[in-house]
N, C-alpha and C. Protein backbone atom coordinates (compact mmCIF):
# COMPACT_ATOMS: atom_id res chain seq x y z
N MET A 1 0.83 -1.19 0.00
CA MET A 1 0.00 0.00 0.00
C MET A 1 0.87 1.25 0.00
N LYS A 2 2.00 1.21 0.72
CA LYS A 2 2.89 2.37 0.72
C LYS A 2 3.40 2.66 -0.68
N HIS A 3 3.67 1.59 -1.45
CA HIS A 3 4.14 1.77 -2.82
C HIS A 3 3.07 2.47 -3.66
N VAL A 4 1.80 2.09 -3.49
CA VAL A 4 0.70 2.72 -4.23
C VAL A 4 0.63 4.20 -3.90
N LEU A 5 0.71 4.55 -2.62
CA LEU A 5 0.64 5.95 -2.21
C LEU A 5 1.82 6.75 -2.74
N LEU A 6 3.02 6.19 -2.66
CA LEU A 6 4.20 6.88 -3.16
C LEU A 6 4.10 7.08 -4.66
N THR A 7 3.68 6.05 -5.39
CA THR A 7 3.53 6.16 -6.83
C THR A 7 2.52 7.23 -7.19
N ALA A 8 1.39 7.27 -6.48
CA ALA A 8 0.35 8.27 -6.75
C ALA A 8 0.86 9.68 -6.48
N CYS A 9 1.60 9.85 -5.41
CA CYS A 9 2.14 11.18 -5.09
C CYS A 9 3.16 11.63 -6.12
N LEU A 10 4.03 10.73 -6.53
CA LEU A 10 5.04 11.08 -7.55
C LEU A 10 4.37 11.39 -8.88
N ALA A 11 3.36 10.62 -9.24
CA ALA A 11 2.65 10.86 -10.48
C ALA A 11 1.93 12.21 -10.44
N ALA A 12 1.36 12.57 -9.30
CA ALA A 12 0.67 13.85 -9.16
C ALA A 12 1.64 15.00 -9.39
N THR A 13 2.85 14.85 -8.92
CA THR A 13 3.85 15.91 -9.05
C THR A 13 4.27 16.10 -10.49
N THR A 14 4.42 15.01 -11.23
CA THR A 14 4.93 15.12 -12.59
C THR A 14 3.83 15.26 -13.63
N ALA A 15 2.58 14.96 -13.29
CA ALA A 15 1.49 14.98 -14.27
C ALA A 15 1.28 16.35 -14.87
N ALA A 16 1.40 17.38 -14.08
CA ALA A 16 1.13 18.73 -14.56
C ALA A 16 2.10 19.15 -15.67
N ALA A 17 3.30 18.61 -15.66
CA ALA A 17 4.31 19.01 -16.63
C ALA A 17 4.20 18.23 -17.94
N GLN A 18 3.41 17.19 -17.99
CA GLN A 18 3.31 16.33 -19.17
C GLN A 18 2.27 16.87 -20.14
N SER A 19 2.50 16.63 -21.44
CA SER A 19 1.52 17.03 -22.44
C SER A 19 0.54 15.88 -22.68
N PRO A 20 -0.68 16.21 -23.10
CA PRO A 20 -1.68 15.17 -23.34
C PRO A 20 -1.24 14.20 -24.43
N MET A 21 -1.60 12.94 -24.25
CA MET A 21 -1.30 11.92 -25.25
C MET A 21 -2.30 12.01 -26.39
N SER A 22 -1.83 11.75 -27.60
CA SER A 22 -2.72 11.65 -28.75
C SER A 22 -3.39 10.28 -28.72
N GLY A 23 -4.39 10.10 -29.55
CA GLY A 23 -5.06 8.81 -29.62
C GLY A 23 -4.11 7.69 -30.02
N SER A 24 -3.24 7.96 -30.98
CA SER A 24 -2.30 6.91 -31.40
C SER A 24 -1.27 6.61 -30.32
N GLU A 25 -0.82 7.62 -29.58
CA GLU A 25 0.10 7.38 -28.46
C GLU A 25 -0.58 6.57 -27.36
N PHE A 26 -1.82 6.93 -27.06
CA PHE A 26 -2.57 6.22 -26.04
C PHE A 26 -2.77 4.76 -26.46
N GLU A 27 -3.19 4.56 -27.69
CA GLU A 27 -3.43 3.21 -28.20
C GLU A 27 -2.16 2.36 -28.14
N SER A 28 -1.05 2.93 -28.54
CA SER A 28 0.22 2.22 -28.51
C SER A 28 0.60 1.81 -27.09
N TYR A 29 0.31 2.67 -26.13
CA TYR A 29 0.67 2.41 -24.73
C TYR A 29 -0.24 1.35 -24.10
N VAL A 30 -1.55 1.40 -24.38
CA VAL A 30 -2.49 0.57 -23.63
C VAL A 30 -2.90 -0.74 -24.28
N GLU A 31 -2.89 -0.83 -25.60
CA GLU A 31 -3.47 -2.00 -26.26
C GLU A 31 -2.85 -3.31 -25.76
N GLY A 32 -3.70 -4.23 -25.38
CA GLY A 32 -3.27 -5.53 -24.89
C GLY A 32 -2.94 -5.57 -23.41
N LYS A 33 -3.07 -4.43 -22.72
CA LYS A 33 -2.72 -4.36 -21.30
C LYS A 33 -3.97 -4.30 -20.43
N THR A 34 -3.77 -4.66 -19.18
CA THR A 34 -4.76 -4.46 -18.12
C THR A 34 -4.10 -3.51 -17.13
N LEU A 35 -4.69 -2.32 -16.94
CA LEU A 35 -4.10 -1.30 -16.08
C LEU A 35 -4.99 -1.05 -14.87
N TYR A 36 -4.34 -0.96 -13.71
CA TYR A 36 -5.02 -0.63 -12.46
C TYR A 36 -4.76 0.83 -12.15
N PHE A 37 -5.81 1.54 -11.72
CA PHE A 37 -5.72 2.96 -11.44
C PHE A 37 -6.06 3.25 -9.98
N ALA A 38 -5.44 4.31 -9.45
CA ALA A 38 -5.71 4.77 -8.09
C ALA A 38 -6.09 6.25 -8.15
N ALA A 39 -6.79 6.68 -7.11
CA ALA A 39 -7.13 8.09 -6.93
C ALA A 39 -7.04 8.37 -5.44
N ASP A 40 -6.45 9.49 -5.09
CA ASP A 40 -6.32 9.88 -3.68
C ASP A 40 -5.66 8.79 -2.84
N GLY A 41 -4.69 8.09 -3.43
CA GLY A 41 -3.93 7.08 -2.71
C GLY A 41 -4.64 5.75 -2.51
N ARG A 42 -5.81 5.57 -3.15
CA ARG A 42 -6.56 4.32 -3.01
C ARG A 42 -6.86 3.74 -4.38
N ARG A 43 -6.88 2.43 -4.47
CA ARG A 43 -7.24 1.79 -5.74
C ARG A 43 -8.64 2.23 -6.15
N TYR A 44 -8.79 2.52 -7.43
CA TYR A 44 -10.04 3.06 -7.94
C TYR A 44 -10.72 2.10 -8.91
N GLY A 45 -9.95 1.51 -9.84
CA GLY A 45 -10.54 0.63 -10.83
C GLY A 45 -9.49 -0.01 -11.71
N VAL A 46 -9.97 -0.85 -12.62
CA VAL A 46 -9.10 -1.56 -13.55
C VAL A 46 -9.75 -1.55 -14.92
N GLU A 47 -8.90 -1.42 -15.95
CA GLU A 47 -9.43 -1.44 -17.31
C GLU A 47 -8.53 -2.31 -18.18
N LYS A 48 -9.20 -3.15 -18.96
CA LYS A 48 -8.51 -4.01 -19.92
C LYS A 48 -8.71 -3.39 -21.30
N TYR A 49 -7.60 -3.20 -22.02
CA TYR A 49 -7.62 -2.55 -23.32
C TYR A 49 -7.45 -3.61 -24.40
N LEU A 50 -8.48 -3.80 -25.18
CA LEU A 50 -8.53 -4.83 -26.20
C LEU A 50 -8.24 -4.24 -27.58
N SER A 51 -8.23 -5.07 -28.61
CA SER A 51 -8.00 -4.58 -29.97
C SER A 51 -9.19 -3.74 -30.43
N ASN A 52 -8.98 -2.99 -31.48
CA ASN A 52 -10.01 -2.14 -32.09
C ASN A 52 -10.61 -1.14 -31.11
N ARG A 53 -9.79 -0.69 -30.15
CA ARG A 53 -10.17 0.35 -29.19
C ARG A 53 -11.35 -0.06 -28.29
N ARG A 54 -11.49 -1.35 -28.09
CA ARG A 54 -12.51 -1.85 -27.17
C ARG A 54 -11.90 -1.94 -25.77
N VAL A 55 -12.74 -1.79 -24.75
CA VAL A 55 -12.28 -1.81 -23.36
C VAL A 55 -13.26 -2.58 -22.49
N GLN A 56 -12.77 -2.95 -21.32
CA GLN A 56 -13.62 -3.52 -20.27
C GLN A 56 -13.18 -2.88 -18.96
N TRP A 57 -14.12 -2.25 -18.24
CA TRP A 57 -13.84 -1.50 -17.02
C TRP A 57 -14.51 -2.15 -15.82
N SER A 58 -13.86 -2.05 -14.65
CA SER A 58 -14.46 -2.47 -13.39
C SER A 58 -13.98 -1.56 -12.27
N PHE A 59 -14.89 -1.26 -11.34
CA PHE A 59 -14.53 -0.51 -10.13
C PHE A 59 -13.98 -1.46 -9.07
N LEU A 60 -13.46 -2.61 -9.48
CA LEU A 60 -12.88 -3.63 -8.60
C LEU A 60 -13.94 -4.30 -7.74
N ASP A 61 -15.18 -4.31 -8.23
CA ASP A 61 -16.29 -4.91 -7.51
C ASP A 61 -16.81 -6.18 -8.18
N GLY A 62 -16.11 -6.64 -9.22
CA GLY A 62 -16.53 -7.84 -9.93
C GLY A 62 -17.54 -7.57 -11.04
N GLN A 63 -18.03 -6.34 -11.12
CA GLN A 63 -18.97 -5.95 -12.17
C GLN A 63 -18.18 -5.28 -13.29
N CYS A 64 -18.20 -5.86 -14.47
CA CYS A 64 -17.42 -5.34 -15.60
C CYS A 64 -18.36 -4.75 -16.65
N LYS A 65 -17.89 -3.67 -17.26
CA LYS A 65 -18.66 -2.97 -18.27
C LYS A 65 -17.84 -2.93 -19.55
N ASP A 66 -18.45 -3.35 -20.65
CA ASP A 66 -17.80 -3.30 -21.95
C ASP A 66 -18.01 -1.93 -22.57
N GLY A 67 -17.03 -1.50 -23.34
CA GLY A 67 -17.13 -0.22 -24.01
C GLY A 67 -16.08 -0.06 -25.08
N TYR A 68 -15.92 1.18 -25.52
CA TYR A 68 -14.88 1.51 -26.50
C TYR A 68 -14.43 2.94 -26.25
N TRP A 69 -13.30 3.29 -26.85
CA TRP A 69 -12.78 4.64 -26.69
C TRP A 69 -12.49 5.24 -28.06
N TYR A 70 -12.42 6.57 -28.08
CA TYR A 70 -12.07 7.32 -29.29
C TYR A 70 -11.40 8.63 -28.86
N GLU A 71 -10.70 9.25 -29.80
CA GLU A 71 -10.04 10.52 -29.52
C GLU A 71 -10.92 11.67 -30.01
N GLU A 72 -11.02 12.72 -29.17
CA GLU A 72 -11.74 13.91 -29.57
C GLU A 72 -11.17 15.11 -28.84
N ALA A 73 -10.74 16.12 -29.57
CA ALA A 73 -10.25 17.38 -29.01
C ALA A 73 -9.16 17.16 -27.95
N ASN A 74 -8.14 16.38 -28.29
CA ASN A 74 -7.01 16.08 -27.39
C ASN A 74 -7.42 15.34 -26.13
N GLN A 75 -8.56 14.67 -26.17
CA GLN A 75 -9.03 13.87 -25.04
C GLN A 75 -9.33 12.46 -25.53
N ILE A 76 -9.28 11.52 -24.59
CA ILE A 76 -9.66 10.14 -24.87
C ILE A 76 -11.02 9.94 -24.21
N CYS A 77 -12.02 9.64 -25.02
CA CYS A 77 -13.39 9.52 -24.54
C CYS A 77 -13.84 8.06 -24.58
N PHE A 78 -14.55 7.64 -23.54
CA PHE A 78 -15.03 6.28 -23.41
C PHE A 78 -16.55 6.27 -23.40
N ILE A 79 -17.12 5.27 -24.05
CA ILE A 79 -18.56 5.02 -23.97
C ILE A 79 -18.71 3.57 -23.53
N TYR A 80 -19.53 3.38 -22.49
CA TYR A 80 -19.74 2.06 -21.92
C TYR A 80 -21.18 1.62 -22.16
N GLU A 81 -21.38 0.31 -22.11
CA GLU A 81 -22.68 -0.28 -22.43
C GLU A 81 -23.83 0.25 -21.58
N ASP A 82 -23.56 0.71 -20.37
CA ASP A 82 -24.62 1.17 -19.49
C ASP A 82 -24.79 2.68 -19.48
N ASN A 83 -23.98 3.39 -20.29
CA ASN A 83 -24.05 4.85 -20.30
C ASN A 83 -23.63 5.38 -21.67
N PRO A 84 -24.56 5.90 -22.46
CA PRO A 84 -24.22 6.38 -23.80
C PRO A 84 -23.49 7.73 -23.81
N SER A 85 -23.38 8.39 -22.65
CA SER A 85 -22.69 9.68 -22.59
C SER A 85 -21.18 9.47 -22.54
N PRO A 86 -20.42 10.18 -23.38
CA PRO A 86 -18.96 10.02 -23.36
C PRO A 86 -18.36 10.45 -22.02
N GLN A 87 -17.40 9.68 -21.55
CA GLN A 87 -16.61 10.00 -20.36
C GLN A 87 -15.22 10.35 -20.88
N CYS A 88 -14.87 11.64 -20.89
CA CYS A 88 -13.64 12.10 -21.54
C CYS A 88 -12.55 12.42 -20.53
N TRP A 89 -11.33 12.02 -20.87
CA TRP A 89 -10.16 12.15 -20.01
C TRP A 89 -8.99 12.70 -20.81
N THR A 90 -8.12 13.42 -20.13
CA THR A 90 -6.84 13.81 -20.71
C THR A 90 -5.79 12.90 -20.09
N PHE A 91 -5.15 12.09 -20.93
CA PHE A 91 -4.12 11.16 -20.47
C PHE A 91 -2.75 11.74 -20.74
N SER A 92 -1.85 11.56 -19.79
CA SER A 92 -0.45 11.95 -19.93
C SER A 92 0.41 10.78 -19.46
N GLN A 93 1.56 10.66 -20.09
CA GLN A 93 2.50 9.62 -19.66
C GLN A 93 3.56 10.24 -18.78
N THR A 94 3.72 9.69 -17.58
CA THR A 94 4.74 10.15 -16.65
C THR A 94 5.79 9.05 -16.51
N SER A 95 6.83 9.31 -15.77
CA SER A 95 7.85 8.29 -15.56
C SER A 95 7.31 7.13 -14.72
N GLN A 96 6.20 7.33 -14.02
CA GLN A 96 5.60 6.27 -13.21
C GLN A 96 4.44 5.57 -13.92
N GLY A 97 4.05 6.02 -15.09
CA GLY A 97 2.93 5.44 -15.83
C GLY A 97 1.96 6.52 -16.27
N LEU A 98 0.74 6.14 -16.52
CA LEU A 98 -0.27 7.09 -16.99
C LEU A 98 -0.88 7.89 -15.86
N SER A 99 -1.25 9.12 -16.17
CA SER A 99 -2.14 9.89 -15.32
C SER A 99 -3.31 10.29 -16.21
N ALA A 100 -4.49 10.39 -15.61
CA ALA A 100 -5.69 10.70 -16.38
C ALA A 100 -6.55 11.68 -15.60
N LYS A 101 -6.90 12.78 -16.24
CA LYS A 101 -7.76 13.78 -15.61
C LYS A 101 -9.13 13.74 -16.27
N PHE A 102 -10.17 13.56 -15.45
CA PHE A 102 -11.53 13.51 -15.94
C PHE A 102 -11.94 14.91 -16.38
N GLU A 103 -12.34 15.06 -17.63
CA GLU A 103 -12.62 16.38 -18.19
C GLU A 103 -14.10 16.75 -18.22
N ASN A 104 -14.99 15.83 -17.82
CA ASN A 104 -16.42 16.13 -17.85
C ASN A 104 -16.86 17.06 -16.73
N GLU A 105 -16.00 17.28 -15.74
CA GLU A 105 -16.30 18.17 -14.62
C GLU A 105 -15.14 19.14 -14.44
N THR A 106 -15.42 20.35 -13.95
CA THR A 106 -14.37 21.36 -13.80
C THR A 106 -13.30 20.92 -12.80
N ASP A 107 -13.68 20.27 -11.74
CA ASP A 107 -12.71 19.75 -10.77
C ASP A 107 -12.61 18.24 -10.92
N GLY A 108 -12.34 17.79 -12.15
CA GLY A 108 -12.34 16.37 -12.46
C GLY A 108 -11.33 15.57 -11.66
N ARG A 109 -11.71 14.36 -11.35
CA ARG A 109 -10.87 13.41 -10.64
C ARG A 109 -9.62 13.12 -11.47
N VAL A 110 -8.51 12.90 -10.78
CA VAL A 110 -7.28 12.49 -11.43
C VAL A 110 -6.96 11.07 -10.99
N LEU A 111 -6.75 10.20 -11.97
CA LEU A 111 -6.38 8.81 -11.72
C LEU A 111 -4.93 8.61 -12.12
N TYR A 112 -4.27 7.65 -11.45
CA TYR A 112 -2.88 7.33 -11.74
C TYR A 112 -2.74 5.83 -11.90
N GLU A 113 -1.99 5.45 -12.92
CA GLU A 113 -1.68 4.04 -13.12
C GLU A 113 -0.79 3.58 -11.97
N VAL A 114 -1.19 2.49 -11.31
CA VAL A 114 -0.40 1.97 -10.21
C VAL A 114 0.10 0.56 -10.48
N GLU A 115 -0.45 -0.08 -11.49
CA GLU A 115 -0.03 -1.45 -11.79
C GLU A 115 -0.48 -1.79 -13.19
N SER A 116 0.31 -2.58 -13.87
CA SER A 116 -0.06 -3.03 -15.20
C SER A 116 0.22 -4.52 -15.28
N GLY A 117 -0.59 -5.19 -16.05
CA GLY A 117 -0.40 -6.62 -16.22
C GLY A 117 -1.25 -7.14 -17.35
N GLY A 118 -1.06 -8.36 -17.72
CA GLY A 118 -1.83 -8.96 -18.79
C GLY A 118 -2.88 -9.91 -18.27
N GLU A 119 -3.02 -10.00 -16.94
CA GLU A 119 -3.94 -10.98 -16.38
C GLU A 119 -5.40 -10.58 -16.60
N ASP A 120 -6.27 -11.58 -16.48
CA ASP A 120 -7.69 -11.34 -16.64
C ASP A 120 -8.25 -10.60 -15.43
N MET A 121 -9.27 -9.81 -15.70
CA MET A 121 -9.97 -9.11 -14.63
C MET A 121 -10.98 -10.06 -14.00
N MET A 122 -11.36 -9.79 -12.75
CA MET A 122 -12.40 -10.57 -12.11
C MET A 122 -13.75 -9.97 -12.51
N CYS A 123 -14.48 -10.70 -13.36
CA CYS A 123 -15.80 -10.28 -13.78
C CYS A 123 -16.79 -11.37 -13.42
N LEU A 124 -17.73 -11.05 -12.54
CA LEU A 124 -18.75 -12.01 -12.15
C LEU A 124 -19.79 -12.09 -13.24
N GLY A 125 -20.48 -13.20 -13.32
CA GLY A 125 -21.53 -13.38 -14.32
C GLY A 125 -22.74 -12.51 -14.02
N PRO A 126 -23.74 -12.55 -14.90
CA PRO A 126 -24.95 -11.75 -14.66
C PRO A 126 -25.68 -12.25 -13.42
N GLU A 127 -26.33 -11.31 -12.76
CA GLU A 127 -27.10 -11.66 -11.57
C GLU A 127 -28.36 -12.38 -11.98
N ILE A 128 -28.61 -13.50 -11.36
CA ILE A 128 -29.80 -14.30 -11.66
C ILE A 128 -30.77 -14.12 -10.50
N GLY A 129 -32.00 -13.79 -10.80
CA GLY A 129 -32.99 -13.57 -9.75
C GLY A 129 -34.31 -14.24 -10.07
N VAL A 130 -35.18 -14.18 -9.13
CA VAL A 130 -36.50 -14.79 -9.31
C VAL A 130 -37.45 -13.75 -9.84
């Protein structure tokens, strides 16, 4: 946990000096990876980046959402199956990994890459009820 906090603090310091990534830079960095993100020193979520700009996101709760991303106005925007409204972020590459600022709000959340891997995400099946 100390490593996550240190990484997040270092990323916060260097993020402001980095320029936004283009869509092709972002795609080159993420495709085929599973990246874990933190905010405010705590794990926030995980996203798997598939071919053809497809993604799968989870808030680390076992519920996964399929979607896709595209570039617009120097931002990387995501659309997920449960929300047709674009979620747009400015991504920058730091020496510690990616930083991402949520652009849909004036005081948007900033996420930091804290871990990367190729492993599968934990996605539970659909809820079955009576």
